[in-house]
Amino acid sequence: MTKKAFNIMHGGDYVPLYNRLKEYRARIGVNQQEMGRLSGVSRQTISQIERGDYSPSVTLALKIAKVFEVQVEDIFWYEEED
């Protein structure tokens, strides 16, 4: 699980977006380059998402989830701070 998270806007506040992309990539045995090809982006974009330096668009998050045949929420989630 990525510890660092990209902050997204939710309800007027910024909340961290977490992801399990690296974990899911490992499950199917693909590197960042191949993951980028499968989802239509560069290796660098996959790397940035995994590090929490880049928040994917809804379209990209859906494409990534489709590669793994899971729901977007299985890979990406946010936690609101109290």
PDB file of N, CA and C in Angstrom:
ATOM      1  N   MET A   1       0.848  -1.173   0.000  1.00  0.00           N
ATOM      2  CA  MET A   1       0.000   0.000   0.000  1.00  0.00           C
ATOM      3  C   MET A   1       0.893   1.236   0.000  1.00  0.00           C
ATOM      4  N   THR A   2       0.562   2.192  -0.817  1.00  0.00           N
ATOM      5  CA  THR A   2       1.295   3.440  -0.882  1.00  0.00           C
ATOM      6  C   THR A   2       1.008   4.271   0.359  1.00  0.00           C
ATOM      7  N   LYS A   3       2.054   4.710   1.029  1.00  0.00           N
ATOM      8  CA  LYS A   3       1.887   5.532   2.228  1.00  0.00           C
ATOM      9  C   LYS A   3       1.654   6.989   1.848  1.00  0.00           C
ATOM     10  N   LYS A   4       2.454   7.489   0.897  1.00  0.00           N
ATOM     11  CA  LYS A   4       2.280   8.852   0.438  1.00  0.00           C
ATOM     12  C   LYS A   4       1.072   8.879  -0.484  1.00  0.00           C
ATOM     13  N   ALA A   5       0.289   9.916  -0.398  1.00  0.00           N
ATOM     14  CA  ALA A   5      -0.908   9.979  -1.219  1.00  0.00           C
ATOM     15  C   ALA A   5      -1.069  11.360  -1.820  1.00  0.00           C
ATOM     16  N   PHE A   6      -1.572  11.382  -3.030  1.00  0.00           N
ATOM     17  CA  PHE A   6      -1.871  12.632  -3.701  1.00  0.00           C
ATOM     18  C   PHE A   6      -3.150  13.197  -3.116  1.00  0.00           C
ATOM     19  N   ASN A   7      -3.183  14.465  -2.817  1.00  0.00           N
ATOM     20  CA  ASN A   7      -4.383  15.073  -2.262  1.00  0.00           C
ATOM     21  C   ASN A   7      -5.372  15.410  -3.364  1.00  0.00           C
ATOM     22  N   ILE A   8      -6.620  14.982  -3.176  1.00  0.00           N
ATOM     23  CA  ILE A   8      -7.686  15.283  -4.119  1.00  0.00           C
ATOM     24  C   ILE A   8      -8.714  16.164  -3.428  1.00  0.00           C
ATOM     25  N   MET A   9      -9.459  16.907  -4.224  1.00  0.00           N
ATOM     26  CA  MET A   9     -10.492  17.768  -3.688  1.00  0.00           C
ATOM     27  C   MET A   9     -11.759  16.945  -3.472  1.00  0.00           C
ATOM     28  N   HIS A  10     -12.310  17.027  -2.266  1.00  0.00           N
ATOM     29  CA  HIS A  10     -13.559  16.334  -1.958  1.00  0.00           C
ATOM     30  C   HIS A  10     -14.353  17.210  -1.000  1.00  0.00           C
ATOM     31  N   GLY A  11     -15.502  17.655  -1.449  1.00  0.00           N
ATOM     32  CA  GLY A  11     -16.348  18.477  -0.576  1.00  0.00           C
ATOM     33  C   GLY A  11     -15.681  19.762  -0.127  1.00  0.00           C
ATOM     34  N   GLY A  12     -14.851  20.350  -0.967  1.00  0.00           N
ATOM     35  CA  GLY A  12     -14.176  21.595  -0.623  1.00  0.00           C
ATOM     36  C   GLY A  12     -12.903  21.417   0.161  1.00  0.00           C
ATOM     37  N   ASP A  13     -12.582  20.180   0.539  1.00  0.00           N
ATOM     38  CA  ASP A  13     -11.365  19.894   1.286  1.00  0.00           C
ATOM     39  C   ASP A  13     -10.463  18.979   0.463  1.00  0.00           C
ATOM     40  N   TYR A  14      -9.183  19.032   0.757  1.00  0.00           N
ATOM     41  CA  TYR A  14      -8.249  18.110   0.122  1.00  0.00           C
ATOM     42  C   TYR A  14      -8.094  16.878   0.999  1.00  0.00           C
ATOM     43  N   VAL A  15      -8.229  15.707   0.387  1.00  0.00           N
ATOM     44  CA  VAL A  15      -8.065  14.449   1.112  1.00  0.00           C
ATOM     45  C   VAL A  15      -7.061  13.585   0.355  1.00  0.00           C
ATOM     46  N   PRO A  16      -6.322  12.751   1.059  1.00  0.00           N
ATOM     47  CA  PRO A  16      -5.321  11.922   0.383  1.00  0.00           C
ATOM     48  C   PRO A  16      -5.948  10.786  -0.415  1.00  0.00           C
ATOM     49  N   LEU A  17      -5.427  10.556  -1.623  1.00  0.00           N
ATOM     50  CA  LEU A  17      -5.837   9.438  -2.468  1.00  0.00           C
ATOM     51  C   LEU A  17      -4.764   8.367  -2.360  1.00  0.00           C
ATOM     52  N   TYR A  18      -5.146   7.199  -1.886  1.00  0.00           N
ATOM     53  CA  TYR A  18      -4.218   6.084  -1.727  1.00  0.00           C
ATOM     54  C   TYR A  18      -4.414   5.086  -2.858  1.00  0.00           C
ATOM     55  N   ASN A  19      -3.407   4.226  -3.066  1.00  0.00           N
ATOM     56  CA  ASN A  19      -3.570   3.215  -4.102  1.00  0.00           C
ATOM     57  C   ASN A  19      -2.793   1.945  -3.780  1.00  0.00           C
ATOM     58  N   ARG A  20      -3.223   0.864  -4.421  1.00  0.00           N
ATOM     59  CA  ARG A  20      -2.575  -0.442  -4.321  1.00  0.00           C
ATOM     60  C   ARG A  20      -2.084  -0.890  -5.694  1.00  0.00           C
ATOM     61  N   LEU A  21      -1.750   0.048  -6.550  1.00  0.00           N
ATOM     62  CA  LEU A  21      -1.379  -0.280  -7.921  1.00  0.00           C
ATOM     63  C   LEU A  21      -0.164  -1.200  -7.981  1.00  0.00           C
ATOM     64  N   LYS A  22       0.866  -0.899  -7.218  1.00  0.00           N
ATOM     65  CA  LYS A  22       2.070  -1.730  -7.243  1.00  0.00           C
ATOM     66  C   LYS A  22       1.745  -3.167  -6.822  1.00  0.00           C
ATOM     67  N   GLU A  23       0.931  -3.303  -5.792  1.00  0.00           N
ATOM     68  CA  GLU A  23       0.520  -4.621  -5.308  1.00  0.00           C
ATOM     69  C   GLU A  23      -0.241  -5.396  -6.401  1.00  0.00           C
ATOM     70  N   TYR A  24      -1.159  -4.721  -7.071  1.00  0.00           N
ATOM     71  CA  TYR A  24      -1.924  -5.382  -8.130  1.00  0.00           C
ATOM     72  C   TYR A  24      -1.041  -5.726  -9.329  1.00  0.00           C
ATOM     73  N   ARG A  25      -0.097  -4.860  -9.645  1.00  0.00           N
ATOM     74  CA  ARG A  25       0.846  -5.162 -10.744  1.00  0.00           C
ATOM     75  C   ARG A  25       1.621  -6.422 -10.442  1.00  0.00           C
ATOM     76  N   ALA A  26       2.090  -6.533  -9.196  1.00  0.00           N
ATOM     77  CA  ALA A  26       2.872  -7.704  -8.788  1.00  0.00           C
ATOM     78  C   ALA A  26       2.043  -8.980  -8.907  1.00  0.00           C
ATOM     79  N   ARG A  27       0.760  -8.895  -8.618  1.00  0.00           N
ATOM     80  CA  ARG A  27      -0.117 -10.068  -8.691  1.00  0.00           C
ATOM     81  C   ARG A  27      -0.178 -10.662 -10.096  1.00  0.00           C
ATOM     82  N   ILE A  28      -0.128  -9.790 -11.104  1.00  0.00           N
ATOM     83  CA  ILE A  28      -0.200 -10.317 -12.478  1.00  0.00           C
ATOM     84  C   ILE A  28       1.165 -10.355 -13.154  1.00  0.00           C
ATOM     85  N   GLY A  29       2.204  -9.939 -12.423  1.00  0.00           N
ATOM     86  CA  GLY A  29       3.566 -10.062 -12.912  1.00  0.00           C
ATOM     87  C   GLY A  29       3.938  -9.153 -14.067  1.00  0.00           C
ATOM     88  N   VAL A  30       3.485  -7.898 -14.014  1.00  0.00           N
ATOM     89  CA  VAL A  30       3.873  -6.944 -15.056  1.00  0.00           C
ATOM     90  C   VAL A  30       4.681  -5.805 -14.452  1.00  0.00           C
ATOM     91  N   ASN A  31       5.609  -5.275 -15.227  1.00  0.00           N
ATOM     92  CA  ASN A  31       6.392  -4.134 -14.774  1.00  0.00           C
ATOM     93  C   ASN A  31       5.658  -2.834 -15.104  1.00  0.00           C
ATOM     94  N   GLN A  32       6.245  -1.720 -14.700  1.00  0.00           N
ATOM     95  CA  GLN A  32       5.601  -0.428 -14.934  1.00  0.00           C
ATOM     96  C   GLN A  32       5.446  -0.132 -16.422  1.00  0.00           C
ATOM     97  N   GLN A  33       6.420  -0.513 -17.210  1.00  0.00           N
ATOM     98  CA  GLN A  33       6.355  -0.282 -18.656  1.00  0.00           C
ATOM     99  C   GLN A  33       5.153  -1.003 -19.263  1.00  0.00           C
ATOM    100  N   GLU A  34       5.006  -2.270 -18.922  1.00  0.00           N
ATOM    101  CA  GLU A  34       3.897  -3.059 -19.442  1.00  0.00           C
ATOM    102  C   GLU A  34       2.560  -2.547 -18.919  1.00  0.00           C
ATOM    103  N   MET A  35       2.517  -2.148 -17.653  1.00  0.00           N
ATOM    104  CA  MET A  35       1.286  -1.599 -17.082  1.00  0.00           C
ATOM    105  C   MET A  35       0.889  -0.327 -17.815  1.00  0.00           C
ATOM    106  N   GLY A  36       1.867   0.489 -18.132  1.00  0.00           N
ATOM    107  CA  GLY A  36       1.588   1.693 -18.907  1.00  0.00           C
ATOM    108  C   GLY A  36       1.007   1.358 -20.265  1.00  0.00           C
ATOM    109  N   ARG A  37       1.581   0.369 -20.921  1.00  0.00           N
ATOM    110  CA  ARG A  37       1.079  -0.040 -22.244  1.00  0.00           C
ATOM    111  C   ARG A  37      -0.353  -0.558 -22.132  1.00  0.00           C
ATOM    112  N   LEU A  38      -0.616  -1.367 -21.127  1.00  0.00           N
ATOM    113  CA  LEU A  38      -1.949  -1.944 -20.947  1.00  0.00           C
ATOM    114  C   LEU A  38      -3.016  -0.891 -20.641  1.00  0.00           C
ATOM    115  N   SER A  39      -2.610   0.200 -20.003  1.00  0.00           N
ATOM    116  CA  SER A  39      -3.568   1.236 -19.621  1.00  0.00           C
ATOM    117  C   SER A  39      -3.468   2.502 -20.474  1.00  0.00           C
ATOM    118  N   GLY A  40      -2.553   2.516 -21.439  1.00  0.00           N
ATOM    119  CA  GLY A  40      -2.475   3.630 -22.382  1.00  0.00           C
ATOM    120  C   GLY A  40      -1.737   4.857 -21.892  1.00  0.00           C
ATOM    121  N   VAL A  41      -0.811   4.669 -20.948  1.00  0.00           N
ATOM    122  CA  VAL A  41      -0.012   5.785 -20.449  1.00  0.00           C
ATOM    123  C   VAL A  41       1.458   5.383 -20.407  1.00  0.00           C
ATOM    124  N   SER A  42       2.301   6.294 -20.010  1.00  0.00           N
ATOM    125  CA  SER A  42       3.739   6.018 -19.948  1.00  0.00           C
ATOM    126  C   SER A  42       4.119   5.284 -18.658  1.00  0.00           C
ATOM    127  N   ARG A  43       5.295   4.698 -18.672  1.00  0.00           N
ATOM    128  CA  ARG A  43       5.846   4.077 -17.471  1.00  0.00           C
ATOM    129  C   ARG A  43       5.974   5.110 -16.365  1.00  0.00           C
ATOM    130  N   GLN A  44       6.364   6.330 -16.743  1.00  0.00           N
ATOM    131  CA  GLN A  44       6.542   7.399 -15.760  1.00  0.00           C
ATOM    132  C   GLN A  44       5.229   7.733 -15.049  1.00  0.00           C
ATOM    133  N   THR A  45       4.132   7.713 -15.787  1.00  0.00           N
ATOM    134  CA  THR A  45       2.829   7.988 -15.170  1.00  0.00           C
ATOM    135  C   THR A  45       2.483   6.913 -14.155  1.00  0.00           C
ATOM    136  N   ILE A  46       2.721   5.653 -14.496  1.00  0.00           N
ATOM    137  CA  ILE A  46       2.465   4.556 -13.558  1.00  0.00           C
ATOM    138  C   ILE A  46       3.326   4.731 -12.310  1.00  0.00           C
ATOM    139  N   SER A  47       4.588   5.073 -12.502  1.00  0.00           N
ATOM    140  CA  SER A  47       5.489   5.298 -11.376  1.00  0.00           C
ATOM    141  C   SER A  47       4.985   6.423 -10.474  1.00  0.00           C
ATOM    142  N   GLN A  48       4.551   7.516 -11.080  1.00  0.00           N
ATOM    143  CA  GLN A  48       4.053   8.661 -10.302  1.00  0.00           C
ATOM    144  C   GLN A  48       2.785   8.305  -9.530  1.00  0.00           C
ATOM    145  N   ILE A  49       1.902   7.533 -10.138  1.00  0.00           N
ATOM    146  CA  ILE A  49       0.689   7.105  -9.439  1.00  0.00           C
ATOM    147  C   ILE A  49       1.060   6.246  -8.238  1.00  0.00           C
ATOM    148  N   GLU A  50       1.945   5.287  -8.453  1.00  0.00           N
ATOM    149  CA  GLU A  50       2.344   4.387  -7.368  1.00  0.00           C
ATOM    150  C   GLU A  50       2.984   5.133  -6.204  1.00  0.00           C
ATOM    151  N   ARG A  51       3.765   6.165  -6.512  1.00  0.00           N
ATOM    152  CA  ARG A  51       4.428   6.947  -5.461  1.00  0.00           C
ATOM    153  C   ARG A  51       3.486   7.925  -4.772  1.00  0.00           C
ATOM    154  N   GLY A  52       2.304   8.133  -5.355  1.00  0.00           N
ATOM    155  CA  GLY A  52       1.376   9.108  -4.794  1.00  0.00           C
ATOM    156  C   GLY A  52       1.661  10.521  -5.251  1.00  0.00           C
ATOM    157  N   ASP A  53       2.443  10.659  -6.323  1.00  0.00           N
ATOM    158  CA  ASP A  53       2.782  11.982  -6.847  1.00  0.00           C
ATOM    159  C   ASP A  53       1.820  12.451  -7.936  1.00  0.00           C
ATOM    160  N   TYR A  54       0.923  11.576  -8.363  1.00  0.00           N
ATOM    161  CA  TYR A  54       0.003  11.901  -9.455  1.00  0.00           C
ATOM    162  C   TYR A  54      -1.317  11.204  -9.199  1.00  0.00           C
ATOM    163  N   SER A  55      -2.396  11.940  -9.337  1.00  0.00           N
ATOM    164  CA  SER A  55      -3.732  11.380  -9.181  1.00  0.00           C
ATOM    165  C   SER A  55      -4.303  11.101 -10.565  1.00  0.00           C
ATOM    166  N   PRO A  56      -4.655   9.847 -10.857  1.00  0.00           N
ATOM    167  CA  PRO A  56      -5.161   9.526 -12.188  1.00  0.00           C
ATOM    168  C   PRO A  56      -6.546  10.128 -12.415  1.00  0.00           C
ATOM    169  N   SER A  57      -6.848  10.403 -13.669  1.00  0.00           N
ATOM    170  CA  SER A  57      -8.200  10.835 -14.026  1.00  0.00           C
ATOM    171  C   SER A  57      -9.154   9.676 -13.768  1.00  0.00           C
ATOM    172  N   VAL A  58     -10.418   9.963 -13.756  1.00  0.00           N
ATOM    173  CA  VAL A  58     -11.417   8.909 -13.590  1.00  0.00           C
ATOM    174  C   VAL A  58     -11.286   7.894 -14.716  1.00  0.00           C
ATOM    175  N   THR A  59     -11.095   8.377 -15.926  1.00  0.00           N
ATOM    176  CA  THR A  59     -10.952   7.486 -17.078  1.00  0.00           C
ATOM    177  C   THR A  59      -9.755   6.560 -16.909  1.00  0.00           C
ATOM    178  N   LEU A  60      -8.621   7.113 -16.501  1.00  0.00           N
ATOM    179  CA  LEU A  60      -7.429   6.287 -16.317  1.00  0.00           C
ATOM    180  C   LEU A  60      -7.620   5.301 -15.173  1.00  0.00           C
ATOM    181  N   ALA A  61      -8.222   5.728 -14.086  1.00  0.00           N
ATOM    182  CA  ALA A  61      -8.475   4.816 -12.962  1.00  0.00           C
ATOM    183  C   ALA A  61      -9.368   3.659 -13.408  1.00  0.00           C
ATOM    184  N   LEU A  62     -10.363   3.943 -14.234  1.00  0.00           N
ATOM    185  CA  LEU A  62     -11.240   2.897 -14.761  1.00  0.00           C
ATOM    186  C   LEU A  62     -10.479   1.936 -15.669  1.00  0.00           C
ATOM    187  N   LYS A  63      -9.606   2.480 -16.525  1.00  0.00           N
ATOM    188  CA  LYS A  63      -8.800   1.630 -17.408  1.00  0.00           C
ATOM    189  C   LYS A  63      -7.894   0.708 -16.597  1.00  0.00           C
ATOM    190  N   ILE A  64      -7.275   1.260 -15.573  1.00  0.00           N
ATOM    191  CA  ILE A  64      -6.380   0.463 -14.724  1.00  0.00           C
ATOM    192  C   ILE A  64      -7.170  -0.648 -14.039  1.00  0.00           C
ATOM    193  N   ALA A  65      -8.316  -0.317 -13.485  1.00  0.00           N
ATOM    194  CA  ALA A  65      -9.145  -1.324 -12.820  1.00  0.00           C
ATOM    195  C   ALA A  65      -9.576  -2.407 -13.799  1.00  0.00           C
ATOM    196  N   LYS A  66      -9.867  -2.025 -15.022  1.00  0.00           N
ATOM    197  CA  LYS A  66     -10.288  -2.997 -16.042  1.00  0.00           C
ATOM    198  C   LYS A  66      -9.172  -3.992 -16.351  1.00  0.00           C
ATOM    199  N   VAL A  67      -7.926  -3.534 -16.361  1.00  0.00           N
ATOM    200  CA  VAL A  67      -6.787  -4.428 -16.593  1.00  0.00           C
ATOM    201  C   VAL A  67      -6.792  -5.557 -15.568  1.00  0.00           C
ATOM    202  N   PHE A  68      -7.109  -5.232 -14.324  1.00  0.00           N
ATOM    203  CA  PHE A  68      -7.092  -6.216 -13.238  1.00  0.00           C
ATOM    204  C   PHE A  68      -8.441  -6.898 -13.027  1.00  0.00           C
ATOM    205  N   GLU A  69      -9.461  -6.445 -13.771  1.00  0.00           N
ATOM    206  CA  GLU A  69     -10.818  -6.978 -13.640  1.00  0.00           C
ATOM    207  C   GLU A  69     -11.346  -6.837 -12.219  1.00  0.00           C
ATOM    208  N   VAL A  70     -11.140  -5.631 -11.660  1.00  0.00           N
ATOM    209  CA  VAL A  70     -11.627  -5.298 -10.319  1.00  0.00           C
ATOM    210  C   VAL A  70     -12.320  -3.942 -10.369  1.00  0.00           C
ATOM    211  N   GLN A  71     -12.934  -3.554  -9.260  1.00  0.00           N
ATOM    212  CA  GLN A  71     -13.551  -2.237  -9.140  1.00  0.00           C
ATOM    213  C   GLN A  71     -12.471  -1.203  -8.845  1.00  0.00           C
ATOM    214  N   VAL A  72     -12.701   0.023  -9.255  1.00  0.00           N
ATOM    215  CA  VAL A  72     -11.750   1.111  -9.012  1.00  0.00           C
ATOM    216  C   VAL A  72     -11.416   1.206  -7.525  1.00  0.00           C
ATOM    217  N   GLU A  73     -12.415   1.021  -6.680  1.00  0.00           N
ATOM    218  CA  GLU A  73     -12.223   1.148  -5.231  1.00  0.00           C
ATOM    219  C   GLU A  73     -11.310   0.081  -4.652  1.00  0.00           C
ATOM    220  N   ASP A  74     -11.095  -1.007  -5.392  1.00  0.00           N
ATOM    221  CA  ASP A  74     -10.160  -2.033  -4.936  1.00  0.00           C
ATOM    222  C   ASP A  74      -8.715  -1.545  -5.034  1.00  0.00           C
ATOM    223  N   ILE A  75      -8.470  -0.605  -5.936  1.00  0.00           N
ATOM    224  CA  ILE A  75      -7.115  -0.095  -6.169  1.00  0.00           C
ATOM    225  C   ILE A  75      -6.927   1.297  -5.581  1.00  0.00           C
ATOM    226  N   PHE A  76      -7.905   2.156  -5.743  1.00  0.00           N
ATOM    227  CA  PHE A  76      -7.812   3.550  -5.295  1.00  0.00           C
ATOM    228  C   PHE A  76      -8.858   3.844  -4.235  1.00  0.00           C
ATOM    229  N   TRP A  77      -8.468   4.619  -3.199  1.00  0.00           N
ATOM    230  CA  TRP A  77      -9.409   5.043  -2.181  1.00  0.00           C
ATOM    231  C   TRP A  77      -8.882   6.289  -1.490  1.00  0.00           C
ATOM    232  N   TYR A  78      -9.772   6.968  -0.820  1.00  0.00           N
ATOM    233  CA  TYR A  78      -9.371   8.131  -0.026  1.00  0.00           C
ATOM    234  C   TYR A  78      -9.940   7.994   1.372  1.00  0.00           C
ATOM    235  N   GLU A  79      -9.332   8.679   2.293  1.00  0.00           N
ATOM    236  CA  GLU A  79      -9.784   8.679   3.676  1.00  0.00           C
ATOM    237  C   GLU A  79      -9.946  10.112   4.127  1.00  0.00           C
ATOM    238  N   GLU A  80     -11.148  10.411   4.538  1.00  0.00           N
ATOM    239  CA  GLU A  80     -11.413  11.761   5.047  1.00  0.00           C
ATOM    240  C   GLU A  80     -10.853  11.870   6.451  1.00  0.00           C
ATOM    241  N   GLU A  81     -10.258  13.009   6.730  1.00  0.00           N
ATOM    242  CA  GLU A  81      -9.736  13.250   8.069  1.00  0.00           C
ATOM    243  C   GLU A  81     -10.818  13.895   8.909  1.00  0.00           C
ATOM    244  N   ASP A  82     -10.905  13.462  10.165  1.00  0.00           N
ATOM    245  CA  ASP A  82     -11.936  14.005  11.074  1.00  0.00           C
ATOM    246  C   ASP A  82     -11.566  15.360  11.598  1.00  0.00           C
TER     247      ASP A  82
END
